[in-house]
Amino acid sequence: KRYNGTIDELLLEHNTDFVLKINTETPV
């Protein structure tokens, strides 16, 4: 999340978020 900083600055695993990108005709 943006209030944590950028993904390049990632340090703590609990600051990660998962999103599934399903590669259908239009991504879901």
PDB file of all heavy atoms in Angstrom:
ATOM      1  N   LYS A   1       0.837  -1.198   0.000  1.00  0.00           N
ATOM      2  CA  LYS A   1       0.000   0.000   0.000  1.00  0.00           C
ATOM      3  C   LYS A   1       0.874   1.249   0.000  1.00  0.00           C
ATOM      4  O   LYS A   1       1.940   1.286   0.585  1.00  0.00           O
ATOM      5  CB  LYS A   1      -0.943  -0.018   1.201  1.00  0.00           C
ATOM      6  CG  LYS A   1      -2.018  -1.105   1.092  1.00  0.00           C
ATOM      7  CD  LYS A   1      -3.000  -1.042   2.233  1.00  0.00           C
ATOM      8  CE  LYS A   1      -4.188  -1.973   1.994  1.00  0.00           C
ATOM      9  NZ  LYS A   1      -3.810  -3.384   1.900  1.00  0.00           N
ATOM     10  N   ARG A   2       0.375   2.281  -0.647  1.00  0.00           N
ATOM     11  CA  ARG A   2       1.196   3.464  -0.902  1.00  0.00           C
ATOM     12  C   ARG A   2       1.699   4.123   0.369  1.00  0.00           C
ATOM     13  O   ARG A   2       2.761   4.756   0.371  1.00  0.00           O
ATOM     14  CB  ARG A   2       0.421   4.470  -1.762  1.00  0.00           C
ATOM     15  CG  ARG A   2       0.336   4.081  -3.232  1.00  0.00           C
ATOM     16  CD  ARG A   2      -0.057   5.267  -4.103  1.00  0.00           C
ATOM     17  NE  ARG A   2      -1.337   5.820  -3.704  1.00  0.00           N
ATOM     18  CZ  ARG A   2      -2.508   5.348  -4.093  1.00  0.00           C
ATOM     19  NH1 ARG A   2      -2.555   4.287  -4.871  1.00  0.00           N
ATOM     20  NH2 ARG A   2      -3.629   5.914  -3.700  1.00  0.00           N
ATOM     21  N   TYR A   3       0.961   4.002   1.480  1.00  0.00           N
ATOM     22  CA  TYR A   3       1.438   4.636   2.713  1.00  0.00           C
ATOM     23  C   TYR A   3       2.654   3.922   3.292  1.00  0.00           C
ATOM     24  O   TYR A   3       3.302   4.431   4.208  1.00  0.00           O
ATOM     25  CB  TYR A   3       0.333   4.752   3.760  1.00  0.00           C
ATOM     26  CG  TYR A   3      -0.370   3.470   4.132  1.00  0.00           C
ATOM     27  CD1 TYR A   3       0.279   2.435   4.779  1.00  0.00           C
ATOM     28  CD2 TYR A   3      -1.726   3.300   3.845  1.00  0.00           C
ATOM     29  CE1 TYR A   3      -0.370   1.273   5.131  1.00  0.00           C
ATOM     30  CE2 TYR A   3      -2.390   2.139   4.194  1.00  0.00           C
ATOM     31  CZ  TYR A   3      -1.712   1.128   4.837  1.00  0.00           C
ATOM     32  OH  TYR A   3      -2.364  -0.024   5.189  1.00  0.00           O
ATOM     33  N   ASN A   4       3.007   2.733   2.759  1.00  0.00           N
ATOM     34  CA  ASN A   4       4.217   2.036   3.196  1.00  0.00           C
ATOM     35  C   ASN A   4       5.460   2.480   2.439  1.00  0.00           C
ATOM     36  O   ASN A   4       6.583   2.196   2.869  1.00  0.00           O
ATOM     37  CB  ASN A   4       4.061   0.522   2.989  1.00  0.00           C
ATOM     38  CG  ASN A   4       3.005  -0.079   3.876  1.00  0.00           C
ATOM     39  OD1 ASN A   4       2.867   0.298   5.033  1.00  0.00           O
ATOM     40  ND2 ASN A   4       2.238  -1.017   3.331  1.00  0.00           N
ATOM     41  N   GLY A   5       5.282   3.150   1.306  1.00  0.00           N
ATOM     42  CA  GLY A   5       6.399   3.447   0.425  1.00  0.00           C
ATOM     43  C   GLY A   5       6.234   2.657  -0.869  1.00  0.00           C
ATOM     44  O   GLY A   5       5.170   2.089  -1.138  1.00  0.00           O
ATOM     45  N   THR A   6       7.269   2.585  -1.660  1.00  0.00           N
ATOM     46  CA  THR A   6       7.196   1.873  -2.931  1.00  0.00           C
ATOM     47  C   THR A   6       7.605   0.416  -2.756  1.00  0.00           C
ATOM     48  O   THR A   6       8.229   0.042  -1.767  1.00  0.00           O
ATOM     49  CB  THR A   6       8.123   2.529  -3.968  1.00  0.00           C
ATOM     50  OG1 THR A   6       9.487   2.383  -3.531  1.00  0.00           O
ATOM     51  CG2 THR A   6       7.806   4.016  -4.126  1.00  0.00           C
ATOM     52  N   ILE A   7       7.273  -0.397  -3.741  1.00  0.00           N
ATOM     53  CA  ILE A   7       7.624  -1.817  -3.680  1.00  0.00           C
ATOM     54  C   ILE A   7       9.143  -1.987  -3.689  1.00  0.00           C
ATOM     55  O   ILE A   7       9.667  -2.959  -3.148  1.00  0.00           O
ATOM     56  CB  ILE A   7       6.972  -2.589  -4.856  1.00  0.00           C
ATOM     57  CG1 ILE A   7       7.039  -4.108  -4.623  1.00  0.00           C
ATOM     58  CG2 ILE A   7       7.601  -2.202  -6.183  1.00  0.00           C
ATOM     59  CD1 ILE A   7       6.172  -4.592  -3.494  1.00  0.00           C
ATOM     60  N   ASP A   8       9.866  -1.033  -4.265  1.00  0.00           N
ATOM     61  CA  ASP A   8      11.331  -1.094  -4.276  1.00  0.00           C
ATOM     62  C   ASP A   8      11.911  -0.947  -2.873  1.00  0.00           C
ATOM     63  O   ASP A   8      13.050  -1.344  -2.625  1.00  0.00           O
ATOM     64  CB  ASP A   8      11.914   0.010  -5.173  1.00  0.00           C
ATOM     65  CG  ASP A   8      11.500  -0.152  -6.629  1.00  0.00           C
ATOM     66  OD1 ASP A   8      11.244  -1.296  -7.037  1.00  0.00           O
ATOM     67  OD2 ASP A   8      11.415   0.862  -7.341  1.00  0.00           O
ATOM     68  N   GLU A   9      11.141  -0.354  -1.953  1.00  0.00           N
ATOM     69  CA  GLU A   9      11.611  -0.147  -0.587  1.00  0.00           C
ATOM     70  C   GLU A   9      11.110  -1.235   0.368  1.00  0.00           C
ATOM     71  O   GLU A   9      11.285  -1.130   1.580  1.00  0.00           O
ATOM     72  CB  GLU A   9      11.129   1.216  -0.071  1.00  0.00           C
ATOM     73  CG  GLU A   9      11.646   2.393  -0.874  1.00  0.00           C
ATOM     74  CD  GLU A   9      10.985   3.700  -0.471  1.00  0.00           C
ATOM     75  OE1 GLU A   9       9.744   3.731  -0.356  1.00  0.00           O
ATOM     76  OE2 GLU A   9      11.708   4.692  -0.268  1.00  0.00           O
ATOM     77  N   LEU A  10      10.490  -2.264  -0.167  1.00  0.00           N
ATOM     78  CA  LEU A  10       9.885  -3.306   0.662  1.00  0.00           C
ATOM     79  C   LEU A  10      10.911  -3.928   1.608  1.00  0.00           C
ATOM     80  O   LEU A  10      12.015  -4.271   1.214  1.00  0.00           O
ATOM     81  CB  LEU A  10       9.290  -4.401  -0.235  1.00  0.00           C
ATOM     82  CG  LEU A  10       8.605  -5.565   0.482  1.00  0.00           C
ATOM     83  CD1 LEU A  10       7.376  -5.083   1.238  1.00  0.00           C
ATOM     84  CD2 LEU A  10       8.241  -6.666  -0.515  1.00  0.00           C
ATOM     85  N   LEU A  11      10.499  -4.086   2.874  1.00  0.00           N
ATOM     86  CA  LEU A  11      11.353  -4.716   3.882  1.00  0.00           C
ATOM     87  C   LEU A  11      10.588  -5.743   4.707  1.00  0.00           C
ATOM     88  O   LEU A  11      11.110  -6.811   5.013  1.00  0.00           O
ATOM     89  CB  LEU A  11      11.939  -3.650   4.819  1.00  0.00           C
ATOM     90  CG  LEU A  11      12.844  -4.166   5.942  1.00  0.00           C
ATOM     91  CD1 LEU A  11      14.146  -4.708   5.365  1.00  0.00           C
ATOM     92  CD2 LEU A  11      13.132  -3.074   6.965  1.00  0.00           C
ATOM     93  N   LEU A  12       9.337  -5.439   5.043  1.00  0.00           N
ATOM     94  CA  LEU A  12       8.551  -6.277   5.946  1.00  0.00           C
ATOM     95  C   LEU A  12       7.528  -7.089   5.159  1.00  0.00           C
ATOM     96  O   LEU A  12       6.745  -6.535   4.378  1.00  0.00           O
ATOM     97  CB  LEU A  12       7.834  -5.410   6.977  1.00  0.00           C
ATOM     98  CG  LEU A  12       8.713  -4.438   7.771  1.00  0.00           C
ATOM     99  CD1 LEU A  12       7.845  -3.595   8.705  1.00  0.00           C
ATOM    100  CD2 LEU A  12       9.784  -5.182   8.558  1.00  0.00           C
ATOM    101  N   GLU A  13       7.504  -8.401   5.414  1.00  0.00           N
ATOM    102  CA  GLU A  13       6.573  -9.262   4.684  1.00  0.00           C
ATOM    103  C   GLU A  13       5.135  -8.879   4.971  1.00  0.00           C
ATOM    104  O   GLU A  13       4.273  -8.961   4.094  1.00  0.00           O
ATOM    105  CB  GLU A  13       6.835 -10.724   5.058  1.00  0.00           C
ATOM    106  CG  GLU A  13       6.211 -11.736   4.095  1.00  0.00           C
ATOM    107  CD  GLU A  13       4.720 -11.939   4.299  1.00  0.00           C
ATOM    108  OE1 GLU A  13       4.257 -11.776   5.455  1.00  0.00           O
ATOM    109  OE2 GLU A  13       4.003 -12.240   3.318  1.00  0.00           O
ATOM    110  N   HIS A  14       4.842  -8.434   6.198  1.00  0.00           N
ATOM    111  CA  HIS A  14       3.457  -8.119   6.529  1.00  0.00           C
ATOM    112  C   HIS A  14       2.966  -6.867   5.805  1.00  0.00           C
ATOM    113  O   HIS A  14       1.757  -6.579   5.817  1.00  0.00           O
ATOM    114  CB  HIS A  14       3.288  -7.985   8.055  1.00  0.00           C
ATOM    115  CG  HIS A  14       3.475  -6.601   8.582  1.00  0.00           C
ATOM    116  ND1 HIS A  14       2.425  -5.784   8.895  1.00  0.00           N
ATOM    117  CD2 HIS A  14       4.597  -5.883   8.854  1.00  0.00           C
ATOM    118  CE1 HIS A  14       2.879  -4.627   9.339  1.00  0.00           C
ATOM    119  NE2 HIS A  14       4.180  -4.659   9.336  1.00  0.00           N
ATOM    120  N   ASN A  15       3.852  -6.141   5.133  1.00  0.00           N
ATOM    121  CA  ASN A  15       3.451  -4.984   4.333  1.00  0.00           C
ATOM    122  C   ASN A  15       3.124  -5.349   2.886  1.00  0.00           C
ATOM    123  O   ASN A  15       2.872  -4.461   2.070  1.00  0.00           O
ATOM    124  CB  ASN A  15       4.545  -3.911   4.349  1.00  0.00           C
ATOM    125  CG  ASN A  15       4.513  -3.075   5.613  1.00  0.00           C
ATOM    126  OD1 ASN A  15       3.538  -3.092   6.353  1.00  0.00           O
ATOM    127  ND2 ASN A  15       5.583  -2.352   5.877  1.00  0.00           N
ATOM    128  N   THR A  16       3.143  -6.633   2.572  1.00  0.00           N
ATOM    129  CA  THR A  16       2.798  -7.048   1.207  1.00  0.00           C
ATOM    130  C   THR A  16       1.303  -7.301   1.097  1.00  0.00           C
ATOM    131  O   THR A  16       0.633  -7.643   2.069  1.00  0.00           O
ATOM    132  CB  THR A  16       3.549  -8.326   0.789  1.00  0.00           C
ATOM    133  OG1 THR A  16       3.211  -9.390   1.686  1.00  0.00           O
ATOM    134  CG2 THR A  16       5.045  -8.100   0.794  1.00  0.00           C
ATOM    135  N   ASP A  17       0.783  -7.120  -0.099  1.00  0.00           N
ATOM    136  CA  ASP A  17      -0.614  -7.428  -0.416  1.00  0.00           C
ATOM    137  C   ASP A  17      -0.643  -8.246  -1.697  1.00  0.00           C
ATOM    138  O   ASP A  17       0.084  -7.951  -2.656  1.00  0.00           O
ATOM    139  CB  ASP A  17      -1.415  -6.143  -0.616  1.00  0.00           C
ATOM    140  CG  ASP A  17      -1.683  -5.406   0.680  1.00  0.00           C
ATOM    141  OD1 ASP A  17      -0.835  -4.579   1.079  1.00  0.00           O
ATOM    142  OD2 ASP A  17      -2.736  -5.665   1.282  1.00  0.00           O
ATOM    143  N   PHE A  18      -1.510  -9.252  -1.713  1.00  0.00           N
ATOM    144  CA  PHE A  18      -1.661 -10.096  -2.893  1.00  0.00           C
ATOM    145  C   PHE A  18      -2.917  -9.698  -3.665  1.00  0.00           C
ATOM    146  O   PHE A  18      -3.972  -9.463  -3.071  1.00  0.00           O
ATOM    147  CB  PHE A  18      -1.786 -11.566  -2.502  1.00  0.00           C
ATOM    148  CG  PHE A  18      -0.594 -12.120  -1.777  1.00  0.00           C
ATOM    149  CD1 PHE A  18      -0.732 -12.686  -0.520  1.00  0.00           C
ATOM    150  CD2 PHE A  18       0.659 -12.079  -2.355  1.00  0.00           C
ATOM    151  CE1 PHE A  18       0.362 -13.198   0.151  1.00  0.00           C
ATOM    152  CE2 PHE A  18       1.766 -12.588  -1.686  1.00  0.00           C
ATOM    153  CZ  PHE A  18       1.614 -13.148  -0.434  1.00  0.00           C
ATOM    154  N   VAL A  19      -2.788  -9.647  -4.971  1.00  0.00           N
ATOM    155  CA  VAL A  19      -3.937  -9.478  -5.859  1.00  0.00           C
ATOM    156  C   VAL A  19      -3.788 -10.504  -6.976  1.00  0.00           C
ATOM    157  O   VAL A  19      -2.700 -10.667  -7.540  1.00  0.00           O
ATOM    158  CB  VAL A  19      -3.999  -8.054  -6.451  1.00  0.00           C
ATOM    159  CG1 VAL A  19      -5.145  -7.941  -7.452  1.00  0.00           C
ATOM    160  CG2 VAL A  19      -4.163  -7.018  -5.344  1.00  0.00           C
ATOM    161  N   LEU A  20      -4.882 -11.193  -7.287  1.00  0.00           N
ATOM    162  CA  LEU A  20      -4.858 -12.133  -8.406  1.00  0.00           C
ATOM    163  C   LEU A  20      -5.245 -11.411  -9.689  1.00  0.00           C
ATOM    164  O   LEU A  20      -6.258 -10.708  -9.737  1.00  0.00           O
ATOM    165  CB  LEU A  20      -5.832 -13.281  -8.163  1.00  0.00           C
ATOM    166  CG  LEU A  20      -5.395 -14.357  -7.183  1.00  0.00           C
ATOM    167  CD1 LEU A  20      -6.519 -15.355  -6.958  1.00  0.00           C
ATOM    168  CD2 LEU A  20      -4.155 -15.069  -7.685  1.00  0.00           C
ATOM    169  N   LYS A  21      -4.436 -11.585 -10.707  1.00  0.00           N
ATOM    170  CA  LYS A  21      -4.770 -11.074 -12.040  1.00  0.00           C
ATOM    171  C   LYS A  21      -5.103 -12.281 -12.903  1.00  0.00           C
ATOM    172  O   LYS A  21      -4.215 -13.064 -13.258  1.00  0.00           O
ATOM    173  CB  LYS A  21      -3.598 -10.293 -12.628  1.00  0.00           C
ATOM    174  CG  LYS A  21      -3.824  -9.804 -14.061  1.00  0.00           C
ATOM    175  CD  LYS A  21      -2.633  -8.985 -14.541  1.00  0.00           C
ATOM    176  CE  LYS A  21      -2.785  -8.542 -15.978  1.00  0.00           C
ATOM    177  NZ  LYS A  21      -2.563  -9.655 -16.934  1.00  0.00           N
ATOM    178  N   ILE A  22      -6.376 -12.462 -13.179  1.00  0.00           N
ATOM    179  CA  ILE A  22      -6.807 -13.617 -13.957  1.00  0.00           C
ATOM    180  C   ILE A  22      -6.840 -13.216 -15.417  1.00  0.00           C
ATOM    181  O   ILE A  22      -7.494 -12.234 -15.798  1.00  0.00           O
ATOM    182  CB  ILE A  22      -8.182 -14.122 -13.482  1.00  0.00           C
ATOM    183  CG1 ILE A  22      -8.062 -14.608 -12.020  1.00  0.00           C
ATOM    184  CG2 ILE A  22      -8.646 -15.279 -14.324  1.00  0.00           C
ATOM    185  CD1 ILE A  22      -8.697 -13.730 -11.031  1.00  0.00           C
ATOM    186  N   ASN A  23      -6.102 -13.954 -16.229  1.00  0.00           N
ATOM    187  CA  ASN A  23      -5.867 -13.563 -17.622  1.00  0.00           C
ATOM    188  C   ASN A  23      -6.970 -14.088 -18.538  1.00  0.00           C
ATOM    189  O   ASN A  23      -6.742 -14.903 -19.432  1.00  0.00           O
ATOM    190  CB  ASN A  23      -4.495 -14.057 -18.067  1.00  0.00           C
ATOM    191  CG  ASN A  23      -3.385 -13.443 -17.234  1.00  0.00           C
ATOM    192  OD1 ASN A  23      -3.399 -12.240 -16.954  1.00  0.00           O
ATOM    193  ND2 ASN A  23      -2.433 -14.257 -16.804  1.00  0.00           N
ATOM    194  N   THR A  24      -8.181 -13.588 -18.314  1.00  0.00           N
ATOM    195  CA  THR A  24      -9.315 -13.897 -19.174  1.00  0.00           C
ATOM    196  C   THR A  24      -9.359 -12.886 -20.318  1.00  0.00           C
ATOM    197  O   THR A  24      -8.447 -12.082 -20.480  1.00  0.00           O
ATOM    198  CB  THR A  24     -10.618 -13.852 -18.352  1.00  0.00           C
ATOM    199  OG1 THR A  24     -10.660 -12.619 -17.615  1.00  0.00           O
ATOM    200  CG2 THR A  24     -10.668 -15.003 -17.360  1.00  0.00           C
ATOM    201  N   GLU A  25     -10.441 -12.953 -21.125  1.00  0.00           N
ATOM    202  CA  GLU A  25     -10.542 -12.063 -22.290  1.00  0.00           C
ATOM    203  C   GLU A  25     -10.246 -10.615 -21.892  1.00  0.00           C
ATOM    204  O   GLU A  25      -9.443  -9.920 -22.519  1.00  0.00           O
ATOM    205  CB  GLU A  25     -11.949 -12.161 -22.895  1.00  0.00           C
ATOM    206  CG  GLU A  25     -12.386 -13.580 -23.245  1.00  0.00           C
ATOM    207  CD  GLU A  25     -12.981 -14.337 -22.054  1.00  0.00           C
ATOM    208  OE1 GLU A  25     -12.953 -13.782 -20.933  1.00  0.00           O
ATOM    209  OE2 GLU A  25     -13.445 -15.469 -22.242  1.00  0.00           O
ATOM    210  N   THR A  26     -10.934 -10.142 -20.880  1.00  0.00           N
ATOM    211  CA  THR A  26     -10.596  -8.890 -20.198  1.00  0.00           C
ATOM    212  C   THR A  26     -10.127  -9.286 -18.815  1.00  0.00           C
ATOM    213  O   THR A  26     -10.848 -10.005 -18.104  1.00  0.00           O
ATOM    214  CB  THR A  26     -11.824  -7.970 -20.094  1.00  0.00           C
ATOM    215  OG1 THR A  26     -12.314  -7.683 -21.406  1.00  0.00           O
ATOM    216  CG2 THR A  26     -11.464  -6.682 -19.373  1.00  0.00           C
ATOM    217  N   PRO A  27      -8.929  -8.883 -18.391  1.00  0.00           N
ATOM    218  CA  PRO A  27      -8.412  -9.350 -17.089  1.00  0.00           C
ATOM    219  C   PRO A  27      -9.392  -9.073 -15.952  1.00  0.00           C
ATOM    220  O   PRO A  27     -10.054  -8.037 -15.903  1.00  0.00           O
ATOM    221  CB  PRO A  27      -7.120  -8.545 -16.917  1.00  0.00           C
ATOM    222  CG  PRO A  27      -6.697  -8.213 -18.306  1.00  0.00           C
ATOM    223  CD  PRO A  27      -7.964  -7.999 -19.069  1.00  0.00           C
ATOM    224  N   VAL A  28      -9.465 -10.027 -15.033  1.00  0.00           N
ATOM    225  CA  VAL A  28     -10.273  -9.886 -13.823  1.00  0.00           C
ATOM    226  C   VAL A  28      -9.314  -9.852 -12.638  1.00  0.00           C
ATOM    227  O   VAL A  28      -8.427 -10.714 -12.528  1.00  0.00           O
ATOM    228  CB  VAL A  28     -11.275 -11.041 -13.662  1.00  0.00           C
ATOM    229  CG1 VAL A  28     -12.031 -10.912 -12.331  1.00  0.00           C
ATOM    230  CG2 VAL A  28     -12.247 -11.078 -14.832  1.00  0.00           C
TER     231      VAL A  28
END
